[in-house]
């Protein structure tokens, strides 16, 4: 599902760091070494059909590398 984040991401939480991340070897191979974190937050998103809704987002992030592989985990009630 392709989407565009509109505005800022709120309620950001880190729920996995370093070796707690199952995808860590793949992330390091593709994007490079760093202190990888798996994070989540909520934001308004625009879906490919033009619909705007609030969604829970999950992504990987590392200092100096940025946010990678952002995905919608679930659509939220406004």
PDB file of N, CA and C in Angstrom:
ATOM      1  N   UNK A   1       0.846  -1.172   0.000  1.00  0.00           N
ATOM      2  CA  UNK A   1       0.000   0.000   0.000  1.00  0.00           C
ATOM      3  C   UNK A   1       0.892   1.237   0.000  1.00  0.00           C
ATOM      4  N   UNK A   2       0.793   2.025  -1.025  1.00  0.00           N
ATOM      5  CA  UNK A   2       1.538   3.276  -1.086  1.00  0.00           C
ATOM      6  C   UNK A   2       0.718   4.374  -0.426  1.00  0.00           C
ATOM      7  N   UNK A   3       1.414   5.294   0.220  1.00  0.00           N
ATOM      8  CA  UNK A   3       0.739   6.376   0.922  1.00  0.00           C
ATOM      9  C   UNK A   3       1.706   7.531   1.107  1.00  0.00           C
ATOM     10  N   UNK A   4       1.151   8.682   1.493  1.00  0.00           N
ATOM     11  CA  UNK A   4       1.943   9.877   1.764  1.00  0.00           C
ATOM     12  C   UNK A   4       1.579  10.377   3.158  1.00  0.00           C
ATOM     13  N   UNK A   5       2.567  10.636   3.975  1.00  0.00           N
ATOM     14  CA  UNK A   5       2.321  11.167   5.321  1.00  0.00           C
ATOM     15  C   UNK A   5       2.028  12.651   5.191  1.00  0.00           C
ATOM     16  N   UNK A   6       0.926  13.071   5.817  1.00  0.00           N
ATOM     17  CA  UNK A   6       0.522  14.478   5.801  1.00  0.00           C
ATOM     18  C   UNK A   6       0.732  15.033   7.203  1.00  0.00           C
ATOM     19  N   UNK A   7       1.508  16.078   7.334  1.00  0.00           N
ATOM     20  CA  UNK A   7       1.759  16.658   8.657  1.00  0.00           C
ATOM     21  C   UNK A   7       2.816  15.887   9.420  1.00  0.00           C
ATOM     22  N   UNK A   8       2.761  16.001  10.738  1.00  0.00           N
ATOM     23  CA  UNK A   8       3.792  15.367  11.556  1.00  0.00           C
ATOM     24  C   UNK A   8       3.288  14.078  12.195  1.00  0.00           C
ATOM     25  N   UNK A   9       4.225  13.230  12.572  1.00  0.00           N
ATOM     26  CA  UNK A   9       3.910  11.968  13.229  1.00  0.00           C
ATOM     27  C   UNK A   9       3.886  12.232  14.734  1.00  0.00           C
ATOM     28  N   UNK A  10       2.798  11.826  15.392  1.00  0.00           N
ATOM     29  CA  UNK A  10       2.641  12.055  16.829  1.00  0.00           C
ATOM     30  C   UNK A  10       2.672  10.731  17.584  1.00  0.00           C
ATOM     31  N   UNK A  11       2.722  10.809  18.895  1.00  0.00           N
ATOM     32  CA  UNK A  11       2.715   9.631  19.778  1.00  0.00           C
ATOM     33  C   UNK A  11       3.796   8.627  19.395  1.00  0.00           C
ATOM     34  N   UNK A  12       4.994   9.107  19.112  1.00  0.00           N
ATOM     35  CA  UNK A  12       6.092   8.244  18.665  1.00  0.00           C
ATOM     36  C   UNK A  12       6.642   7.444  19.842  1.00  0.00           C
ATOM     37  N   UNK A  13       6.791   6.147  19.636  1.00  0.00           N
ATOM     38  CA  UNK A  13       7.348   5.243  20.643  1.00  0.00           C
ATOM     39  C   UNK A  13       8.395   4.351  19.989  1.00  0.00           C
ATOM     40  N   UNK A  14       9.426   4.017  20.739  1.00  0.00           N
ATOM     41  CA  UNK A  14      10.409   3.026  20.310  1.00  0.00           C
ATOM     42  C   UNK A  14      10.049   1.731  21.005  1.00  0.00           C
ATOM     43  N   UNK A  15       9.886   0.649  20.235  1.00  0.00           N
ATOM     44  CA  UNK A  15       9.530  -0.604  20.894  1.00  0.00           C
ATOM     45  C   UNK A  15      10.511  -1.733  20.645  1.00  0.00           C
ATOM     46  N   UNK A  16      11.577  -1.475  19.894  1.00  0.00           N
ATOM     47  CA  UNK A  16      12.656  -2.454  19.754  1.00  0.00           C
ATOM     48  C   UNK A  16      13.937  -1.714  19.399  1.00  0.00           C
ATOM     49  N   UNK A  17      15.055  -2.144  19.988  1.00  0.00           N
ATOM     50  CA  UNK A  17      16.355  -1.507  19.735  1.00  0.00           C
ATOM     51  C   UNK A  17      17.403  -2.591  19.522  1.00  0.00           C
ATOM     52  N   UNK A  18      18.282  -2.379  18.549  1.00  0.00           N
ATOM     53  CA  UNK A  18      19.429  -3.264  18.338  1.00  0.00           C
ATOM     54  C   UNK A  18      19.052  -4.704  18.083  1.00  0.00           C
ATOM     55  N   UNK A  19      19.608  -5.617  18.858  1.00  0.00           N
ATOM     56  CA  UNK A  19      19.439  -7.049  18.608  1.00  0.00           C
ATOM     57  C   UNK A  19      18.011  -7.537  18.842  1.00  0.00           C
ATOM     58  N   UNK A  20      17.143  -6.716  19.415  1.00  0.00           N
ATOM     59  CA  UNK A  20      15.730  -7.071  19.573  1.00  0.00           C
ATOM     60  C   UNK A  20      14.992  -7.046  18.239  1.00  0.00           C
ATOM     61  N   UNK A  21      15.594  -6.440  17.230  1.00  0.00           N
ATOM     62  CA  UNK A  21      14.975  -6.329  15.909  1.00  0.00           C
ATOM     63  C   UNK A  21      15.343  -7.557  15.090  1.00  0.00           C
ATOM     64  N   UNK A  22      14.332  -8.315  14.658  1.00  0.00           N
ATOM     65  CA  UNK A  22      14.586  -9.539  13.891  1.00  0.00           C
ATOM     66  C   UNK A  22      15.236  -9.246  12.539  1.00  0.00           C
ATOM     67  N   UNK A  23      14.931  -8.090  11.967  1.00  0.00           N
ATOM     68  CA  UNK A  23      15.420  -7.723  10.637  1.00  0.00           C
ATOM     69  C   UNK A  23      16.775  -7.027  10.654  1.00  0.00           C
ATOM     70  N   UNK A  24      17.448  -6.999  11.777  1.00  0.00           N
ATOM     71  CA  UNK A  24      18.689  -6.232  11.930  1.00  0.00           C
ATOM     72  C   UNK A  24      19.775  -6.574  10.903  1.00  0.00           C
ATOM     73  N   UNK A  25      20.084  -7.843  10.653  1.00  0.00           N
ATOM     74  CA  UNK A  25      21.126  -8.132   9.655  1.00  0.00           C
ATOM     75  C   UNK A  25      20.767  -7.598   8.256  1.00  0.00           C
ATOM     76  N   UNK A  26      19.503  -7.707   7.886  1.00  0.00           N
ATOM     77  CA  UNK A  26      19.061  -7.201   6.577  1.00  0.00           C
ATOM     78  C   UNK A  26      19.165  -5.676   6.523  1.00  0.00           C
ATOM     79  N   UNK A  27      18.747  -4.987   7.580  1.00  0.00           N
ATOM     80  CA  UNK A  27      18.833  -3.527   7.620  1.00  0.00           C
ATOM     81  C   UNK A  27      20.279  -3.062   7.496  1.00  0.00           C
ATOM     82  N   UNK A  28      21.186  -3.717   8.221  1.00  0.00           N
ATOM     83  CA  UNK A  28      22.602  -3.338   8.151  1.00  0.00           C
ATOM     84  C   UNK A  28      23.187  -3.601   6.771  1.00  0.00           C
ATOM     85  N   UNK A  29      22.770  -4.701   6.143  1.00  0.00           N
ATOM     86  CA  UNK A  29      23.279  -5.028   4.807  1.00  0.00           C
ATOM     87  C   UNK A  29      22.792  -4.009   3.762  1.00  0.00           C
ATOM     88  N   UNK A  30      21.526  -3.620   3.845  1.00  0.00           N
ATOM     89  CA  UNK A  30      20.948  -2.720   2.843  1.00  0.00           C
ATOM     90  C   UNK A  30      21.315  -1.255   3.089  1.00  0.00           C
ATOM     91  N   UNK A  31      21.177  -0.784   4.354  1.00  0.00           N
ATOM     92  CA  UNK A  31      21.312   0.641   4.657  1.00  0.00           C
ATOM     93  C   UNK A  31      22.590   1.009   5.397  1.00  0.00           C
ATOM     94  N   UNK A  32      23.270   0.043   6.003  1.00  0.00           N
ATOM     95  CA  UNK A  32      24.497   0.332   6.712  1.00  0.00           C
ATOM     96  C   UNK A  32      24.362   0.187   8.216  1.00  0.00           C
ATOM     97  N   UNK A  33      25.491   0.235   8.888  1.00  0.00           N
ATOM     98  CA  UNK A  33      25.528   0.066  10.339  1.00  0.00           C
ATOM     99  C   UNK A  33      25.000   1.319  11.017  1.00  0.00           C
ATOM    100  N   UNK A  34      24.379   1.127  12.149  1.00  0.00           N
ATOM    101  CA  UNK A  34      23.849   2.233  12.938  1.00  0.00           C
ATOM    102  C   UNK A  34      23.114   1.678  14.135  1.00  0.00           C
ATOM    103  N   UNK A  35      22.681   2.546  15.003  1.00  0.00           N
ATOM    104  CA  UNK A  35      21.881   2.130  16.158  1.00  0.00           C
ATOM    105  C   UNK A  35      20.433   2.077  15.702  1.00  0.00           C
ATOM    106  N   UNK A  36      20.024   0.938  15.206  1.00  0.00           N
ATOM    107  CA  UNK A  36      18.693   0.766  14.630  1.00  0.00           C
ATOM    108  C   UNK A  36      17.627   0.656  15.710  1.00  0.00           C
ATOM    109  N   UNK A  37      16.495   1.304  15.446  1.00  0.00           N
ATOM    110  CA  UNK A  37      15.337   1.270  16.331  1.00  0.00           C
ATOM    111  C   UNK A  37      14.102   0.960  15.502  1.00  0.00           C
ATOM    112  N   UNK A  38      13.176   0.199  16.061  1.00  0.00           N
ATOM    113  CA  UNK A  38      11.878   0.004  15.431  1.00  0.00           C
ATOM    114  C   UNK A  38      10.915   0.906  16.181  1.00  0.00           C
ATOM    115  N   UNK A  39      10.218   1.781  15.443  1.00  0.00           N
ATOM    116  CA  UNK A  39       9.394   2.807  16.075  1.00  0.00           C
ATOM    117  C   UNK A  39       7.985   2.775  15.525  1.00  0.00           C
ATOM    118  N   UNK A  40       7.073   3.396  16.272  1.00  0.00           N
ATOM    119  CA  UNK A  40       5.700   3.520  15.808  1.00  0.00           C
ATOM    120  C   UNK A  40       5.149   4.875  16.213  1.00  0.00           C
ATOM    121  N   UNK A  41       4.137   5.317  15.487  1.00  0.00           N
ATOM    122  CA  UNK A  41       3.489   6.589  15.765  1.00  0.00           C
ATOM    123  C   UNK A  41       2.215   6.697  14.957  1.00  0.00           C
ATOM    124  N   UNK A  42       1.498   7.793  15.128  1.00  0.00           N
ATOM    125  CA  UNK A  42       0.241   8.022  14.424  1.00  0.00           C
ATOM    126  C   UNK A  42       0.354   9.278  13.573  1.00  0.00           C
ATOM    127  N   UNK A  43      -0.277   9.260  12.402  1.00  0.00           N
ATOM    128  CA  UNK A  43      -0.237  10.426  11.517  1.00  0.00           C
ATOM    129  C   UNK A  43      -1.403  10.366  10.534  1.00  0.00           C
ATOM    130  N   UNK A  44      -1.721  11.521   9.976  1.00  0.00           N
ATOM    131  CA  UNK A  44      -2.679  11.579   8.871  1.00  0.00           C
ATOM    132  C   UNK A  44      -1.946  11.120   7.620  1.00  0.00           C
ATOM    133  N   UNK A  45      -2.585  10.269   6.827  1.00  0.00           N
ATOM    134  CA  UNK A  45      -1.980   9.783   5.592  1.00  0.00           C
ATOM    135  C   UNK A  45      -2.952   9.945   4.431  1.00  0.00           C
ATOM    136  N   UNK A  46      -2.399  10.103   3.249  1.00  0.00           N
ATOM    137  CA  UNK A  46      -3.193  10.127   2.015  1.00  0.00           C
ATOM    138  C   UNK A  46      -2.898   8.834   1.281  1.00  0.00           C
ATOM    139  N   UNK A  47      -3.932   8.026   1.071  1.00  0.00           N
ATOM    140  CA  UNK A  47      -3.786   6.756   0.367  1.00  0.00           C
ATOM    141  C   UNK A  47      -3.770   6.990  -1.134  1.00  0.00           C
ATOM    142  N   UNK A  48      -3.445   5.965  -1.911  1.00  0.00           N
ATOM    143  CA  UNK A  48      -3.333   6.114  -3.364  1.00  0.00           C
ATOM    144  C   UNK A  48      -4.655   6.507  -4.023  1.00  0.00           C
ATOM    145  N   UNK A  49      -5.773   6.162  -3.401  1.00  0.00           N
ATOM    146  CA  UNK A  49      -7.071   6.537  -3.979  1.00  0.00           C
ATOM    147  C   UNK A  49      -7.495   7.949  -3.586  1.00  0.00           C
ATOM    148  N   UNK A  50      -6.661   8.671  -2.835  1.00  0.00           N
ATOM    149  CA  UNK A  50      -6.943  10.048  -2.441  1.00  0.00           C
ATOM    150  C   UNK A  50      -7.594  10.180  -1.079  1.00  0.00           C
ATOM    151  N   UNK A  51      -7.958   9.082  -0.456  1.00  0.00           N
ATOM    152  CA  UNK A  51      -8.581   9.100   0.862  1.00  0.00           C
ATOM    153  C   UNK A  51      -7.577   9.571   1.909  1.00  0.00           C
ATOM    154  N   UNK A  52      -8.031  10.441   2.809  1.00  0.00           N
ATOM    155  CA  UNK A  52      -7.190  10.904   3.907  1.00  0.00           C
ATOM    156  C   UNK A  52      -7.745  10.317   5.194  1.00  0.00           C
ATOM    157  N   UNK A  53      -6.884   9.660   5.961  1.00  0.00           N
ATOM    158  CA  UNK A  53      -7.309   9.048   7.222  1.00  0.00           C
ATOM    159  C   UNK A  53      -6.133   9.028   8.189  1.00  0.00           C
ATOM    160  N   UNK A  54      -6.436   8.724   9.447  1.00  0.00           N
ATOM    161  CA  UNK A  54      -5.386   8.604  10.465  1.00  0.00           C
ATOM    162  C   UNK A  54      -4.958   7.148  10.520  1.00  0.00           C
ATOM    163  N   UNK A  55      -3.642   6.921  10.660  1.00  0.00           N
ATOM    164  CA  UNK A  55      -3.123   5.560  10.654  1.00  0.00           C
ATOM    165  C   UNK A  55      -2.001   5.409  11.667  1.00  0.00           C
ATOM    166  N   UNK A  56      -1.846   4.178  12.143  1.00  0.00           N
ATOM    167  CA  UNK A  56      -0.687   3.827  12.962  1.00  0.00           C
ATOM    168  C   UNK A  56       0.408   3.382  12.011  1.00  0.00           C
ATOM    169  N   UNK A  57       1.572   4.003  12.125  1.00  0.00           N
ATOM    170  CA  UNK A  57       2.700   3.719  11.244  1.00  0.00           C
ATOM    171  C   UNK A  57       3.810   3.031  12.016  1.00  0.00           C
ATOM    172  N   UNK A  58       4.509   2.115  11.369  1.00  0.00           N
ATOM    173  CA  UNK A  58       5.705   1.480  11.922  1.00  0.00           C
ATOM    174  C   UNK A  58       6.843   1.706  10.935  1.00  0.00           C
ATOM    175  N   UNK A  59       8.060   1.900  11.450  1.00  0.00           N
ATOM    176  CA  UNK A  59       9.221   2.096  10.594  1.00  0.00           C
ATOM    177  C   UNK A  59      10.488   1.768  11.363  1.00  0.00           C
ATOM    178  N   UNK A  60      11.587   1.654  10.627  1.00  0.00           N
ATOM    179  CA  UNK A  60      12.919   1.477  11.208  1.00  0.00           C
ATOM    180  C   UNK A  60      13.641   2.810  11.078  1.00  0.00           C
ATOM    181  N   UNK A  61      14.498   3.118  12.051  1.00  0.00           N
ATOM    182  CA  UNK A  61      15.197   4.402  12.046  1.00  0.00           C
ATOM    183  C   UNK A  61      16.577   4.232  12.675  1.00  0.00           C
ATOM    184  N   UNK A  62      17.569   4.915  12.113  1.00  0.00           N
ATOM    185  CA  UNK A  62      18.914   4.937  12.694  1.00  0.00           C
ATOM    186  C   UNK A  62      19.490   6.335  12.509  1.00  0.00           C
ATOM    187  N   UNK A  63      20.270   6.770  13.488  1.00  0.00           N
ATOM    188  CA  UNK A  63      20.899   8.087  13.435  1.00  0.00           C
ATOM    189  C   UNK A  63      21.813   8.175  12.216  1.00  0.00           C
ATOM    190  N   UNK A  64      21.679   9.248  11.463  1.00  0.00           N
ATOM    191  CA  UNK A  64      22.501   9.450  10.277  1.00  0.00           C
ATOM    192  C   UNK A  64      21.972   8.729   9.045  1.00  0.00           C
ATOM    193  N   UNK A  65      21.001   7.856   9.217  1.00  0.00           N
ATOM    194  CA  UNK A  65      20.427   7.120   8.090  1.00  0.00           C
ATOM    195  C   UNK A  65      18.987   7.559   7.850  1.00  0.00           C
ATOM    196  N   UNK A  66      18.232   7.773   8.932  1.00  0.00           N
ATOM    197  CA  UNK A  66      16.868   8.262   8.819  1.00  0.00           C
ATOM    198  C   UNK A  66      15.828   7.156   8.888  1.00  0.00           C
ATOM    199  N   UNK A  67      14.578   7.532   8.550  1.00  0.00           N
ATOM    200  CA  UNK A  67      13.462   6.583   8.572  1.00  0.00           C
ATOM    201  C   UNK A  67      13.471   5.740   7.312  1.00  0.00           C
ATOM    202  N   UNK A  68      13.286   4.441   7.497  1.00  0.00           N
ATOM    203  CA  UNK A  68      13.270   3.516   6.368  1.00  0.00           C
ATOM    204  C   UNK A  68      12.101   2.558   6.514  1.00  0.00           C
ATOM    205  N   UNK A  69      11.548   2.136   5.400  1.00  0.00           N
ATOM    206  CA  UNK A  69      10.533   1.088   5.319  1.00  0.00           C
ATOM    207  C   UNK A  69       9.296   1.389   6.165  1.00  0.00           C
ATOM    208  N   UNK A  70       8.743   2.576   5.994  1.00  0.00           N
ATOM    209  CA  UNK A  70       7.549   2.954   6.732  1.00  0.00           C
ATOM    210  C   UNK A  70       6.345   2.204   6.168  1.00  0.00           C
ATOM    211  N   UNK A  71       5.495   1.695   7.070  1.00  0.00           N
ATOM    212  CA  UNK A  71       4.297   0.990   6.618  1.00  0.00           C
ATOM    213  C   UNK A  71       3.129   1.303   7.539  1.00  0.00           C
ATOM    214  N   UNK A  72       1.933   1.151   6.999  1.00  0.00           N
ATOM    215  CA  UNK A  72       0.715   1.334   7.777  1.00  0.00           C
ATOM    216  C   UNK A  72       0.422   0.025   8.489  1.00  0.00           C
ATOM    217  N   UNK A  73       0.302   0.083   9.798  1.00  0.00           N
ATOM    218  CA  UNK A  73      -0.028  -1.102  10.582  1.00  0.00           C
ATOM    219  C   UNK A  73      -1.539  -1.251  10.695  1.00  0.00           C
ATOM    220  N   UNK A  74      -2.221  -0.121  10.957  1.00  0.00           N
ATOM    221  CA  UNK A  74      -3.683  -0.151  10.983  1.00  0.00           C
ATOM    222  C   UNK A  74      -4.245   1.252  10.821  1.00  0.00           C
ATOM    223  N   UNK A  75      -5.448   1.332  10.297  1.00  0.00           N
ATOM    224  CA  UNK A  75      -6.142   2.604  10.172  1.00  0.00           C
ATOM    225  C   UNK A  75      -6.853   2.872  11.491  1.00  0.00           C
ATOM    226  N   UNK A  76      -6.799   4.114  11.955  1.00  0.00           N
ATOM    227  CA  UNK A  76      -7.369   4.488  13.248  1.00  0.00           C
ATOM    228  C   UNK A  76      -8.625   5.311  13.061  1.00  0.00           C
ATOM    229  N   UNK A  77      -9.502   5.276  14.060  1.00  0.00           N
ATOM    230  CA  UNK A  77     -10.684   6.149  14.064  1.00  0.00           C
ATOM    231  C   UNK A  77     -10.229   7.549  14.419  1.00  0.00           C
ATOM    232  N   UNK A  78     -10.803   8.541  13.780  1.00  0.00           N
ATOM    233  CA  UNK A  78     -10.415   9.936  14.059  1.00  0.00           C
ATOM    234  C   UNK A  78     -10.922  10.417  15.356  1.00  0.00           C
TER     235      UNK A  78
END
